[in-house]
Amino acid sequence: MRRSHIITLLTDFGNQDAYVGIMKGVIGGINPSANIIDICHTIPPYDLLNGAYLLSASYQYFPKGTIHVAVVDPGVGSRRDIICVAIRDYLFLVPNNGILSFIVPEEKPKNIIRVTNTKFFLPSPGNTFHGRDIFAPVAAHLSLGIKPQQLDAKINQLEHLDLPQPEQKKTGQMEGRVIYIDRFGNLITNITQSHIEQHIINQSQSITCRDKITSPILHSRKKAMKGKHAKQSFLFHLLFGEKETARKYVIETTLGKKKIMGLSKTYMDVKPGEPLVLFGSTDFLEISINQGNAQKYFKVDQGGKVLIRCNSGFN
C-alpha cells in the first residue's frame, strides 16, 4: 500500500478543550508535511456506536493510503489493545473496542497489528491521554513510511460491537432501530436496501401473484445489474414498478403512533414541514422532515424503534 500523508482524526474529545489541537501538534512535530483532516470531534462521550457509524460512513472517500485515527476510547489506560488494521487501501489506528464493527463485515482486514513498540510513542506515555502519547505519534510515523509490522506482532482477534440488526416480526413488519441522529435531526436507521429487498421477497412468497415478482425477466435483470447502484436499481424496480411487472410495493414506516407512506428519492419530494422516508447518503433508511427536525417531530432518540411494512399493490 502506497502511504498517503493524509491523517484523519475522529474522536469524542469535543472542541471545548485542547485535546485535538495537542494531537495535531504531536503529529506535526514528527511529520510537518502531514495533512491532518478532521472527520468529527463531537461524538457523544464514549459513544462507540456513534463513532463506528461515522467512521464507516467516511473512510472510503479519502485517497488510498490514508491513515484513519479514531479515538473513542472508554477503556483508555486499561488492558485493551491499540491496533493498526489494514483494510482495503487504508490503515486504521484504533482501540480494539469494536469501533470497526460497521466496516469489517463489508471489508475483510488484511492485517491486524497490536501497537506496543514504544519506539514510536512519546517518551513516558501516561494512562489517560493515549491520543497524545500513542495514537498521534504512531500515526505520524506511519505517514512517514514505517511498516505496520514494525509496531509489533500480528493478531487475529478483533472486538465487535453488538450491532442492532433488523428483526422480522410475526405481524409481517420489520423492526429496525435508529442508530444515528445527525445535526439536522434526520433519523438514520440500521435498515439497508438489502434488508428491504429481502423483506419484499419474503413477503412475495405468501402472495398469489408472487410469480410477477420472481419472474425470469426480473431475475435476469437483477443478474445483469452490475456496479455501485445495482442493488438500488433492483430495489427501486420493486418499489416503484416498471413495465415488466404490474406490481409495486409501498413502504409503510411507523414511529410510535405516526406513519409515513411511501419512499421518497429526495427531501423535496414532500412539502416543507412534512415527513418522508428515503435512503440517505450512507445507504441506510432515513426518516426526515423537509426543512425540519425529525427527532423533535417524532420524539425519538438513538435506539428508538422503527417498524417497516411493505404493502403490495397494482399500478
C-alpha atoms as a PDB file:
ATOM      1  CA  MET A   1       0.000   0.000   0.000  1.00  0.00           C
ATOM      2  CA  ARG A   2       1.416   3.360  -1.008  1.00  0.00           C
ATOM      3  CA  ARG A   3       1.203   5.574   2.058  1.00  0.00           C
ATOM      4  CA  SER A   4      -0.529   8.942   1.932  1.00  0.00           C
ATOM      5  CA  HIS A   5       0.446  11.953   4.046  1.00  0.00           C
ATOM      6  CA  ILE A   6      -3.233  12.313   4.960  1.00  0.00           C
ATOM      7  CA  ILE A   7      -4.173  11.509   8.552  1.00  0.00           C
ATOM      8  CA  THR A   8      -7.806  11.776   9.597  1.00  0.00           C
ATOM      9  CA  LEU A   9      -8.948  12.274  13.168  1.00  0.00           C
ATOM     10  CA  LEU A  10     -12.269  11.140  14.628  1.00  0.00           C
ATOM     11  CA  THR A  11     -12.732  11.481  18.386  1.00  0.00           C
ATOM     12  CA  ASP A  12     -15.202  12.190  21.173  1.00  0.00           C
ATOM     13  CA  PHE A  13     -12.897  14.923  22.536  1.00  0.00           C
ATOM     14  CA  GLY A  14     -15.150  17.827  21.541  1.00  0.00           C
ATOM     15  CA  ASN A  15     -13.942  21.315  20.623  1.00  0.00           C
ATOM     16  CA  GLN A  16     -14.021  22.893  24.066  1.00  0.00           C
ATOM     17  CA  ASP A  17     -10.680  21.521  25.252  1.00  0.00           C
ATOM     18  CA  ALA A  18      -7.180  21.426  23.757  1.00  0.00           C
ATOM     19  CA  TYR A  19      -7.047  17.648  23.239  1.00  0.00           C
ATOM     20  CA  VAL A  20      -7.495  17.642  19.461  1.00  0.00           C
ATOM     21  CA  GLY A  21      -5.090  20.525  18.970  1.00  0.00           C
ATOM     22  CA  ILE A  22      -2.447  18.750  21.063  1.00  0.00           C
ATOM     23  CA  MET A  23      -2.760  15.610  18.928  1.00  0.00           C
ATOM     24  CA  LYS A  24      -2.258  17.709  15.803  1.00  0.00           C
ATOM     25  CA  GLY A  25       0.770  19.353  17.396  1.00  0.00           C
ATOM     26  CA  VAL A  26       2.359  15.975  18.127  1.00  0.00           C
ATOM     27  CA  ILE A  27       1.746  14.768  14.568  1.00  0.00           C
ATOM     28  CA  GLY A  28       3.141  17.984  13.085  1.00  0.00           C
ATOM     29  CA  GLY A  29       6.216  17.770  15.296  1.00  0.00           C
ATOM     30  CA  ILE A  30       7.096  14.354  13.865  1.00  0.00           C
ATOM     31  CA  ASN A  31       5.904  14.908  10.281  1.00  0.00           C
ATOM     32  CA  PRO A  32       5.484  18.591   9.395  1.00  0.00           C
ATOM     33  CA  SER A  33       4.235  17.543   5.939  1.00  0.00           C
ATOM     34  CA  ALA A  34       1.301  15.571   7.310  1.00  0.00           C
ATOM     35  CA  ASN A  35      -2.106  16.665   6.034  1.00  0.00           C
ATOM     36  CA  ILE A  36      -4.450  16.335   9.018  1.00  0.00           C
ATOM     37  CA  ILE A  37      -8.187  16.250   8.283  1.00  0.00           C
ATOM     38  CA  ASP A  38     -10.871  16.306  10.971  1.00  0.00           C
ATOM     39  CA  ILE A  39     -13.796  13.967  10.403  1.00  0.00           C
ATOM     40  CA  CYS A  40     -15.642  14.679  13.651  1.00  0.00           C
ATOM     41  CA  HIS A  41     -14.862  15.505  17.283  1.00  0.00           C
ATOM     42  CA  THR A  42     -18.379  15.991  18.646  1.00  0.00           C
ATOM     43  CA  ILE A  43     -19.274  12.323  19.091  1.00  0.00           C
ATOM     44  CA  PRO A  44     -21.073  11.975  22.450  1.00  0.00           C
ATOM     45  CA  PRO A  45     -18.547  10.849  25.094  1.00  0.00           C
ATOM     46  CA  TYR A  46     -17.835   7.099  24.995  1.00  0.00           C
ATOM     47  CA  ASP A  47     -20.485   6.503  22.280  1.00  0.00           C
ATOM     48  CA  LEU A  48     -18.851   3.695  20.298  1.00  0.00           C
ATOM     49  CA  LEU A  49     -21.902   3.051  18.121  1.00  0.00           C
ATOM     50  CA  ASN A  50     -21.922   6.683  17.016  1.00  0.00           C
ATOM     51  CA  GLY A  51     -18.187   6.642  16.322  1.00  0.00           C
ATOM     52  CA  ALA A  52     -18.343   3.342  14.452  1.00  0.00           C
ATOM     53  CA  TYR A  53     -21.140   4.631  12.221  1.00  0.00           C
ATOM     54  CA  LEU A  54     -19.379   7.902  11.362  1.00  0.00           C
ATOM     55  CA  LEU A  55     -16.087   6.147  10.638  1.00  0.00           C
ATOM     56  CA  SER A  56     -17.768   3.671   8.288  1.00  0.00           C
ATOM     57  CA  ALA A  57     -19.642   6.474   6.538  1.00  0.00           C
ATOM     58  CA  SER A  58     -16.467   8.488   5.944  1.00  0.00           C
ATOM     59  CA  TYR A  59     -13.345   6.402   5.426  1.00  0.00           C
ATOM     60  CA  GLN A  60     -13.753   5.367   1.795  1.00  0.00           C
ATOM     61  CA  TYR A  61     -13.994   8.941   0.498  1.00  0.00           C
ATOM     62  CA  PHE A  62     -10.335   9.639   1.213  1.00  0.00           C
ATOM     63  CA  PRO A  63      -7.363   8.906  -1.076  1.00  0.00           C
ATOM     64  CA  LYS A  64      -5.797   5.462  -1.000  1.00  0.00           C
ATOM     65  CA  GLY A  65      -3.188   5.133   1.715  1.00  0.00           C
ATOM     66  CA  THR A  66      -4.981   7.474   4.126  1.00  0.00           C
ATOM     67  CA  ILE A  67      -4.377   6.758   7.815  1.00  0.00           C
ATOM     68  CA  HIS A  68      -7.623   6.919   9.803  1.00  0.00           C
ATOM     69  CA  VAL A  69      -7.181   7.576  13.526  1.00  0.00           C
ATOM     70  CA  ALA A  70     -10.338   7.003  15.575  1.00  0.00           C
ATOM     71  CA  VAL A  71     -10.163   7.610  19.321  1.00  0.00           C
ATOM     72  CA  VAL A  72     -13.442   6.862  21.050  1.00  0.00           C
ATOM     73  CA  ASP A  73     -11.880   5.006  23.903  1.00  0.00           C
ATOM     74  CA  PRO A  74     -13.804   4.332  27.128  1.00  0.00           C
ATOM     75  CA  GLY A  75     -11.110   1.809  28.089  1.00  0.00           C
ATOM     76  CA  VAL A  76      -8.125   4.174  27.858  1.00  0.00           C
ATOM     77  CA  GLY A  77      -5.352   3.022  30.213  1.00  0.00           C
ATOM     78  CA  SER A  78      -6.840  -0.442  30.614  1.00  0.00           C
ATOM     79  CA  ARG A  79      -5.631  -3.745  29.140  1.00  0.00           C
ATOM     80  CA  ARG A  80      -7.460  -3.141  25.858  1.00  0.00           C
ATOM     81  CA  ASP A  81      -5.171  -3.182  22.824  1.00  0.00           C
ATOM     82  CA  ILE A  82      -4.404  -0.400  20.402  1.00  0.00           C
ATOM     83  CA  ILE A  83      -4.297  -1.855  16.904  1.00  0.00           C
ATOM     84  CA  CYS A  84      -3.267  -0.914  13.395  1.00  0.00           C
ATOM     85  CA  VAL A  85      -5.586  -2.529  10.857  1.00  0.00           C
ATOM     86  CA  ALA A  86      -5.122  -2.639   7.089  1.00  0.00           C
ATOM     87  CA  ILE A  87      -8.488  -2.710   5.331  1.00  0.00           C
ATOM     88  CA  ARG A  88      -8.738  -2.329   1.578  1.00  0.00           C
ATOM     89  CA  ASP A  89      -6.457   0.629   0.749  1.00  0.00           C
ATOM     90  CA  TYR A  90      -6.453   2.254   4.190  1.00  0.00           C
ATOM     91  CA  LEU A  91      -4.826   1.979   7.595  1.00  0.00           C
ATOM     92  CA  PHE A  92      -6.914   2.312  10.747  1.00  0.00           C
ATOM     93  CA  LEU A  93      -5.265   3.170  14.056  1.00  0.00           C
ATOM     94  CA  VAL A  94      -7.902   2.453  16.695  1.00  0.00           C
ATOM     95  CA  PRO A  95      -8.526   0.926  20.126  1.00  0.00           C
ATOM     96  CA  ASN A  96      -9.605  -2.689  19.801  1.00  0.00           C
ATOM     97  CA  ASN A  97     -13.070  -1.999  21.171  1.00  0.00           C
ATOM     98  CA  GLY A  98     -15.401  -2.587  18.226  1.00  0.00           C
ATOM     99  CA  ILE A  99     -15.156   0.779  16.511  1.00  0.00           C
ATOM    100  CA  LEU A 100     -14.586  -1.014  13.164  1.00  0.00           C
ATOM    101  CA  SER A 101     -17.761  -3.071  13.538  1.00  0.00           C
ATOM    102  CA  PHE A 102     -19.641  -1.450  10.636  1.00  0.00           C
ATOM    103  CA  ILE A 103     -16.641  -1.752   8.306  1.00  0.00           C
ATOM    104  CA  VAL A 104     -15.331  -5.268   8.952  1.00  0.00           C
ATOM    105  CA  PRO A 105     -18.423  -7.189   7.747  1.00  0.00           C
ATOM    106  CA  GLU A 106     -18.032  -5.459   4.371  1.00  0.00           C
ATOM    107  CA  GLU A 107     -14.236  -5.409   4.120  1.00  0.00           C
ATOM    108  CA  LYS A 108     -12.053  -8.226   5.462  1.00  0.00           C
ATOM    109  CA  PRO A 109      -8.898  -6.915   7.208  1.00  0.00           C
ATOM    110  CA  LYS A 110      -5.598  -7.720   5.504  1.00  0.00           C
ATOM    111  CA  ASN A 111      -3.567  -7.351   8.710  1.00  0.00           C
ATOM    112  CA  ILE A 112      -4.256  -6.621  12.373  1.00  0.00           C
ATOM    113  CA  ILE A 113      -1.184  -5.457  14.281  1.00  0.00           C
ATOM    114  CA  ARG A 114      -1.037  -4.855  18.026  1.00  0.00           C
ATOM    115  CA  VAL A 115       0.646  -1.498  18.720  1.00  0.00           C
ATOM    116  CA  THR A 116       3.178  -1.938  21.548  1.00  0.00           C
ATOM    117  CA  ASN A 117       6.547  -0.737  20.186  1.00  0.00           C
ATOM    118  CA  THR A 118       7.338   2.202  22.467  1.00  0.00           C
ATOM    119  CA  LYS A 119       9.972   3.412  19.979  1.00  0.00           C
ATOM    120  CA  PHE A 120       7.117   5.162  18.174  1.00  0.00           C
ATOM    121  CA  PHE A 121       5.371   6.564  21.290  1.00  0.00           C
ATOM    122  CA  LEU A 122       6.040   9.821  23.078  1.00  0.00           C
ATOM    123  CA  PRO A 123       8.532   9.368  25.939  1.00  0.00           C
ATOM    124  CA  SER A 124       6.945   8.155  29.190  1.00  0.00           C
ATOM    125  CA  PRO A 125       3.341   7.845  27.941  1.00  0.00           C
ATOM    126  CA  GLY A 126       0.655   8.334  30.554  1.00  0.00           C
ATOM    127  CA  ASN A 127      -2.503   6.315  31.173  1.00  0.00           C
ATOM    128  CA  THR A 128      -5.190   8.897  30.430  1.00  0.00           C
ATOM    129  CA  PHE A 129      -4.296  10.549  27.089  1.00  0.00           C
ATOM    130  CA  HIS A 130      -3.274   7.872  24.621  1.00  0.00           C
ATOM    131  CA  GLY A 131      -4.489  10.143  21.820  1.00  0.00           C
ATOM    132  CA  ARG A 132      -1.493  12.362  22.504  1.00  0.00           C
ATOM    133  CA  ASP A 133       1.039   9.791  23.702  1.00  0.00           C
ATOM    134  CA  ILE A 134       0.397   6.846  21.356  1.00  0.00           C
ATOM    135  CA  PHE A 135      -2.167   7.420  18.591  1.00  0.00           C
ATOM    136  CA  ALA A 136      -0.766  10.746  17.349  1.00  0.00           C
ATOM    137  CA  PRO A 137       2.951   9.816  17.239  1.00  0.00           C
ATOM    138  CA  VAL A 138       2.281   6.365  15.771  1.00  0.00           C
ATOM    139  CA  ALA A 139       0.078   7.887  13.057  1.00  0.00           C
ATOM    140  CA  ALA A 140       2.816  10.394  12.249  1.00  0.00           C
ATOM    141  CA  HIS A 141       5.439   7.658  11.931  1.00  0.00           C
ATOM    142  CA  LEU A 142       3.110   5.615   9.723  1.00  0.00           C
ATOM    143  CA  SER A 143       2.689   8.645   7.458  1.00  0.00           C
ATOM    144  CA  LEU A 144       6.489   8.793   7.165  1.00  0.00           C
ATOM    145  CA  GLY A 145       6.509   5.248   5.836  1.00  0.00           C
ATOM    146  CA  ILE A 146       7.164   2.818   8.693  1.00  0.00           C
ATOM    147  CA  LYS A 147       5.530  -0.564   8.153  1.00  0.00           C
ATOM    148  CA  PRO A 148       2.696  -1.617  10.452  1.00  0.00           C
ATOM    149  CA  GLN A 149       4.680  -4.791  11.214  1.00  0.00           C
ATOM    150  CA  GLN A 150       7.245  -2.598  12.998  1.00  0.00           C
ATOM    151  CA  LEU A 151       4.626  -1.758  15.618  1.00  0.00           C
ATOM    152  CA  ASP A 152       4.544  -5.338  16.973  1.00  0.00           C
ATOM    153  CA  ALA A 153       3.122  -8.718  16.036  1.00  0.00           C
ATOM    154  CA  LYS A 154       0.095  -9.722  14.013  1.00  0.00           C
ATOM    155  CA  ILE A 155      -3.019 -10.797  15.901  1.00  0.00           C
ATOM    156  CA  ASN A 156      -6.282 -12.327  14.726  1.00  0.00           C
ATOM    157  CA  GLN A 157      -8.805 -11.071  17.241  1.00  0.00           C
ATOM    158  CA  LEU A 158     -10.977  -8.024  16.543  1.00  0.00           C
ATOM    159  CA  GLU A 159     -13.548  -6.940  19.083  1.00  0.00           C
ATOM    160  CA  HIS A 160     -17.055  -6.357  17.736  1.00  0.00           C
ATOM    161  CA  LEU A 161     -19.966  -4.269  18.929  1.00  0.00           C
ATOM    162  CA  ASP A 162     -23.301  -5.966  19.337  1.00  0.00           C
ATOM    163  CA  LEU A 163     -24.837  -4.004  16.476  1.00  0.00           C
ATOM    164  CA  PRO A 164     -28.631  -3.922  16.394  1.00  0.00           C
ATOM    165  CA  GLN A 165     -29.989  -5.871  13.422  1.00  0.00           C
ATOM    166  CA  PRO A 166     -33.461  -5.532  11.861  1.00  0.00           C
ATOM    167  CA  GLU A 167     -35.880  -8.234  13.005  1.00  0.00           C
ATOM    168  CA  GLN A 168     -38.770  -9.850  11.152  1.00  0.00           C
ATOM    169  CA  LYS A 169     -41.898  -9.698  13.327  1.00  0.00           C
ATOM    170  CA  LYS A 170     -44.828 -12.128  13.308  1.00  0.00           C
ATOM    171  CA  THR A 171     -47.029  -9.187  12.332  1.00  0.00           C
ATOM    172  CA  GLY A 172     -45.323  -9.111   8.924  1.00  0.00           C
ATOM    173  CA  GLN A 173     -43.400  -5.968   9.829  1.00  0.00           C
ATOM    174  CA  MET A 174     -39.662  -5.477  10.020  1.00  0.00           C
ATOM    175  CA  GLU A 175     -38.389  -3.801  13.185  1.00  0.00           C
ATOM    176  CA  GLY A 176     -35.323  -1.598  12.946  1.00  0.00           C
ATOM    177  CA  ARG A 177     -33.607   0.884  15.230  1.00  0.00           C
ATOM    178  CA  VAL A 178     -32.378   4.457  14.976  1.00  0.00           C
ATOM    179  CA  ILE A 179     -28.589   4.201  15.108  1.00  0.00           C
ATOM    180  CA  TYR A 180     -27.632   7.815  14.434  1.00  0.00           C
ATOM    181  CA  ILE A 181     -29.190  11.279  14.508  1.00  0.00           C
ATOM    182  CA  ASP A 182     -27.421  13.988  12.550  1.00  0.00           C
ATOM    183  CA  ARG A 183     -27.283  17.748  13.140  1.00  0.00           C
ATOM    184  CA  PHE A 184     -30.466  18.285  11.106  1.00  0.00           C
ATOM    185  CA  GLY A 185     -32.418  15.810  13.218  1.00  0.00           C
ATOM    186  CA  ASN A 186     -32.529  13.170  10.482  1.00  0.00           C
ATOM    187  CA  LEU A 187     -33.070   9.678  11.911  1.00  0.00           C
ATOM    188  CA  ILE A 188     -30.691   7.143  10.339  1.00  0.00           C
ATOM    189  CA  THR A 189     -31.790   3.561  10.913  1.00  0.00           C
ATOM    190  CA  ASN A 190     -29.998   0.209  10.737  1.00  0.00           C
ATOM    191  CA  ILE A 191     -32.166  -0.804   7.767  1.00  0.00           C
ATOM    192  CA  THR A 192     -30.340  -1.122   4.457  1.00  0.00           C
ATOM    193  CA  GLN A 193     -31.577  -1.517   0.915  1.00  0.00           C
ATOM    194  CA  SER A 194     -30.729  -5.223   1.096  1.00  0.00           C
ATOM    195  CA  HIS A 195     -32.921  -5.625   4.179  1.00  0.00           C
ATOM    196  CA  ILE A 196     -35.893  -4.014   2.405  1.00  0.00           C
ATOM    197  CA  GLU A 197     -35.314  -6.042  -0.727  1.00  0.00           C
ATOM    198  CA  GLN A 198     -35.205  -9.319   1.205  1.00  0.00           C
ATOM    199  CA  HIS A 199     -38.268  -8.303   3.210  1.00  0.00           C
ATOM    200  CA  ILE A 200     -40.217  -7.739  -0.032  1.00  0.00           C
ATOM    201  CA  ILE A 201     -39.083 -11.052  -1.482  1.00  0.00           C
ATOM    202  CA  ASN A 202     -40.059 -12.872   1.723  1.00  0.00           C
ATOM    203  CA  GLN A 203     -43.474 -11.249   1.639  1.00  0.00           C
ATOM    204  CA  SER A 204     -43.953 -12.096  -2.030  1.00  0.00           C
ATOM    205  CA  GLN A 205     -43.821 -15.807  -1.182  1.00  0.00           C
ATOM    206  CA  SER A 206     -47.216 -15.529   0.506  1.00  0.00           C
ATOM    207  CA  ILE A 207     -48.822 -13.542  -2.309  1.00  0.00           C
ATOM    208  CA  THR A 208     -50.848 -15.252  -5.010  1.00  0.00           C
ATOM    209  CA  CYS A 209     -49.220 -13.201  -7.771  1.00  0.00           C
ATOM    210  CA  ARG A 210     -45.693 -13.714  -6.483  1.00  0.00           C
ATOM    211  CA  ASP A 211     -44.556 -15.024  -9.872  1.00  0.00           C
ATOM    212  CA  LYS A 212     -44.790 -11.463 -11.146  1.00  0.00           C
ATOM    213  CA  ILE A 213     -42.004 -10.532  -8.706  1.00  0.00           C
ATOM    214  CA  THR A 214     -39.889 -13.651  -9.084  1.00  0.00           C
ATOM    215  CA  SER A 215     -40.320 -13.853 -12.849  1.00  0.00           C
ATOM    216  CA  PRO A 216     -37.393 -14.883 -15.077  1.00  0.00           C
ATOM    217  CA  ILE A 217     -37.417 -11.353 -16.509  1.00  0.00           C
ATOM    218  CA  LEU A 218     -36.813  -9.796 -13.088  1.00  0.00           C
ATOM    219  CA  HIS A 219     -34.175 -12.363 -12.136  1.00  0.00           C
ATOM    220  CA  SER A 220     -32.324 -11.794 -15.391  1.00  0.00           C
ATOM    221  CA  ARG A 221     -32.486  -8.020 -14.852  1.00  0.00           C
ATOM    222  CA  LYS A 222     -31.013  -8.357 -11.340  1.00  0.00           C
ATOM    223  CA  LYS A 223     -28.266 -10.690 -12.540  1.00  0.00           C
ATOM    224  CA  ALA A 224     -27.348  -8.278 -15.322  1.00  0.00           C
ATOM    225  CA  MET A 225     -27.095  -5.286 -12.988  1.00  0.00           C
ATOM    226  CA  LYS A 226     -23.508  -4.521 -12.023  1.00  0.00           C
ATOM    227  CA  GLY A 227     -21.669  -1.680 -10.341  1.00  0.00           C
ATOM    228  CA  LYS A 228     -22.306   0.626  -7.418  1.00  0.00           C
ATOM    229  CA  HIS A 229     -26.037   1.202  -7.953  1.00  0.00           C
ATOM    230  CA  ALA A 230     -27.052  -2.373  -8.796  1.00  0.00           C
ATOM    231  CA  LYS A 231     -28.872  -3.083  -5.522  1.00  0.00           C
ATOM    232  CA  GLN A 232     -30.563   0.290  -5.540  1.00  0.00           C
ATOM    233  CA  SER A 233     -31.744  -0.199  -9.127  1.00  0.00           C
ATOM    234  CA  PHE A 234     -33.279  -3.573  -8.299  1.00  0.00           C
ATOM    235  CA  LEU A 235     -34.877  -2.286  -5.116  1.00  0.00           C
ATOM    236  CA  PHE A 236     -36.320   0.793  -6.819  1.00  0.00           C
ATOM    237  CA  HIS A 237     -37.715  -1.505  -9.502  1.00  0.00           C
ATOM    238  CA  LEU A 238     -39.611  -3.380  -6.780  1.00  0.00           C
ATOM    239  CA  LEU A 239     -40.778  -0.211  -5.017  1.00  0.00           C
ATOM    240  CA  PHE A 240     -41.718   1.974  -7.951  1.00  0.00           C
ATOM    241  CA  GLY A 241     -42.569  -0.630 -10.592  1.00  0.00           C
ATOM    242  CA  GLU A 242     -41.629  -0.832 -14.268  1.00  0.00           C
ATOM    243  CA  LYS A 243     -43.253  -2.059 -17.443  1.00  0.00           C
ATOM    244  CA  GLU A 244     -42.141  -5.672 -16.909  1.00  0.00           C
ATOM    245  CA  THR A 245     -44.393  -6.070 -13.866  1.00  0.00           C
ATOM    246  CA  ALA A 246     -47.709  -4.602 -12.819  1.00  0.00           C
ATOM    247  CA  ARG A 247     -46.914  -4.953  -9.136  1.00  0.00           C
ATOM    248  CA  LYS A 248     -45.208  -2.375  -6.959  1.00  0.00           C
ATOM    249  CA  TYR A 249     -44.644  -2.094  -3.219  1.00  0.00           C
ATOM    250  CA  VAL A 250     -45.353   0.804  -0.895  1.00  0.00           C
ATOM    251  CA  ILE A 251     -43.273   1.182   2.242  1.00  0.00           C
ATOM    252  CA  GLU A 252     -45.223   1.998   5.388  1.00  0.00           C
ATOM    253  CA  THR A 253     -42.970   3.369   8.134  1.00  0.00           C
ATOM    254  CA  THR A 254     -44.216   3.627  11.714  1.00  0.00           C
ATOM    255  CA  LEU A 255     -42.593   5.558  14.567  1.00  0.00           C
ATOM    256  CA  GLY A 256     -44.663   5.470  17.708  1.00  0.00           C
ATOM    257  CA  LYS A 257     -48.217   6.307  16.642  1.00  0.00           C
ATOM    258  CA  LYS A 258     -47.211   8.134  13.454  1.00  0.00           C
ATOM    259  CA  LYS A 259     -46.981   6.598   9.998  1.00  0.00           C
ATOM    260  CA  ILE A 260     -45.332   7.662   6.737  1.00  0.00           C
ATOM    261  CA  MET A 261     -46.498   6.118   3.493  1.00  0.00           C
ATOM    262  CA  GLY A 262     -44.135   5.672   0.560  1.00  0.00           C
ATOM    263  CA  LEU A 263     -40.466   6.122  -0.188  1.00  0.00           C
ATOM    264  CA  SER A 264     -39.021   9.408  -1.428  1.00  0.00           C
ATOM    265  CA  LYS A 265     -35.971   9.962  -3.592  1.00  0.00           C
ATOM    266  CA  THR A 266     -35.154  13.475  -2.324  1.00  0.00           C
ATOM    267  CA  TYR A 267     -36.113  15.718   0.595  1.00  0.00           C
ATOM    268  CA  MET A 268     -38.018  17.967  -1.815  1.00  0.00           C
ATOM    269  CA  ASP A 269     -40.458  15.203  -2.728  1.00  0.00           C
ATOM    270  CA  VAL A 270     -42.694  16.489   0.070  1.00  0.00           C
ATOM    271  CA  LYS A 271     -43.721  19.965   1.191  1.00  0.00           C
ATOM    272  CA  PRO A 272     -41.658  21.835   3.818  1.00  0.00           C
ATOM    273  CA  GLY A 273     -42.503  20.559   7.281  1.00  0.00           C
ATOM    274  CA  GLU A 274     -43.765  17.172   6.051  1.00  0.00           C
ATOM    275  CA  PRO A 275     -42.132  13.834   6.984  1.00  0.00           C
ATOM    276  CA  LEU A 276     -40.536  11.487   4.464  1.00  0.00           C
ATOM    277  CA  VAL A 277     -38.549   8.279   4.243  1.00  0.00           C
ATOM    278  CA  LEU A 278     -35.597   7.806   1.880  1.00  0.00           C
ATOM    279  CA  PHE A 279     -32.250   6.126   1.528  1.00  0.00           C
ATOM    280  CA  GLY A 280     -29.704   8.720   2.638  1.00  0.00           C
ATOM    281  CA  SER A 281     -26.131   9.311   1.568  1.00  0.00           C
ATOM    282  CA  THR A 282     -24.875   6.307   3.561  1.00  0.00           C
ATOM    283  CA  ASP A 283     -27.492   3.966   2.011  1.00  0.00           C
ATOM    284  CA  PHE A 284     -29.332   3.418   5.291  1.00  0.00           C
ATOM    285  CA  LEU A 285     -33.050   4.094   5.520  1.00  0.00           C
ATOM    286  CA  GLU A 286     -33.567   7.595   6.892  1.00  0.00           C
ATOM    287  CA  ILE A 287     -36.612   9.339   8.342  1.00  0.00           C
ATOM    288  CA  SER A 288     -36.586  13.082   7.797  1.00  0.00           C
ATOM    289  CA  ILE A 289     -38.652  16.253   7.756  1.00  0.00           C
ATOM    290  CA  ASN A 290     -38.228  18.523   4.750  1.00  0.00           C
ATOM    291  CA  GLN A 291     -36.561  21.620   6.234  1.00  0.00           C
ATOM    292  CA  GLY A 292     -37.416  20.391   9.721  1.00  0.00           C
ATOM    293  CA  ASN A 293     -36.199  18.178  12.558  1.00  0.00           C
ATOM    294  CA  ALA A 294     -37.430  14.562  12.577  1.00  0.00           C
ATOM    295  CA  GLN A 295     -36.042  13.862  16.055  1.00  0.00           C
ATOM    296  CA  LYS A 296     -38.208  16.609  17.551  1.00  0.00           C
ATOM    297  CA  TYR A 297     -41.196  15.786  15.351  1.00  0.00           C
ATOM    298  CA  PHE A 298     -41.264  12.086  16.238  1.00  0.00           C
ATOM    299  CA  LYS A 299     -39.720  12.499  19.721  1.00  0.00           C
ATOM    300  CA  VAL A 300     -37.317   9.635  19.021  1.00  0.00           C
ATOM    301  CA  ASP A 301     -33.772   9.174  20.336  1.00  0.00           C
ATOM    302  CA  GLN A 302     -30.932   6.868  19.312  1.00  0.00           C
ATOM    303  CA  GLY A 303     -32.111   3.302  19.787  1.00  0.00           C
ATOM    304  CA  GLY A 304     -35.720   4.199  19.004  1.00  0.00           C
ATOM    305  CA  LYS A 305     -37.887   1.567  17.323  1.00  0.00           C
ATOM    306  CA  VAL A 306     -38.856   1.861  13.636  1.00  0.00           C
ATOM    307  CA  LEU A 307     -41.400  -0.501  12.049  1.00  0.00           C
ATOM    308  CA  ILE A 308     -41.485  -1.153   8.304  1.00  0.00           C
ATOM    309  CA  ARG A 309     -44.234  -2.850   6.327  1.00  0.00           C
ATOM    310  CA  CYS A 310     -44.067  -3.329   2.568  1.00  0.00           C
ATOM    311  CA  ASN A 311     -47.579  -3.313   1.173  1.00  0.00           C
ATOM    312  CA  SER A 312     -48.140  -4.726  -2.306  1.00  0.00           C
ATOM    313  CA  GLY A 313     -50.385  -3.120  -4.866  1.00  0.00           C
ATOM    314  CA  PHE A 314     -51.017  -2.715  -8.568  1.00  0.00           C
ATOM    315  CA  ASN A 315     -50.293   0.097 -10.999  1.00  0.00           C
END
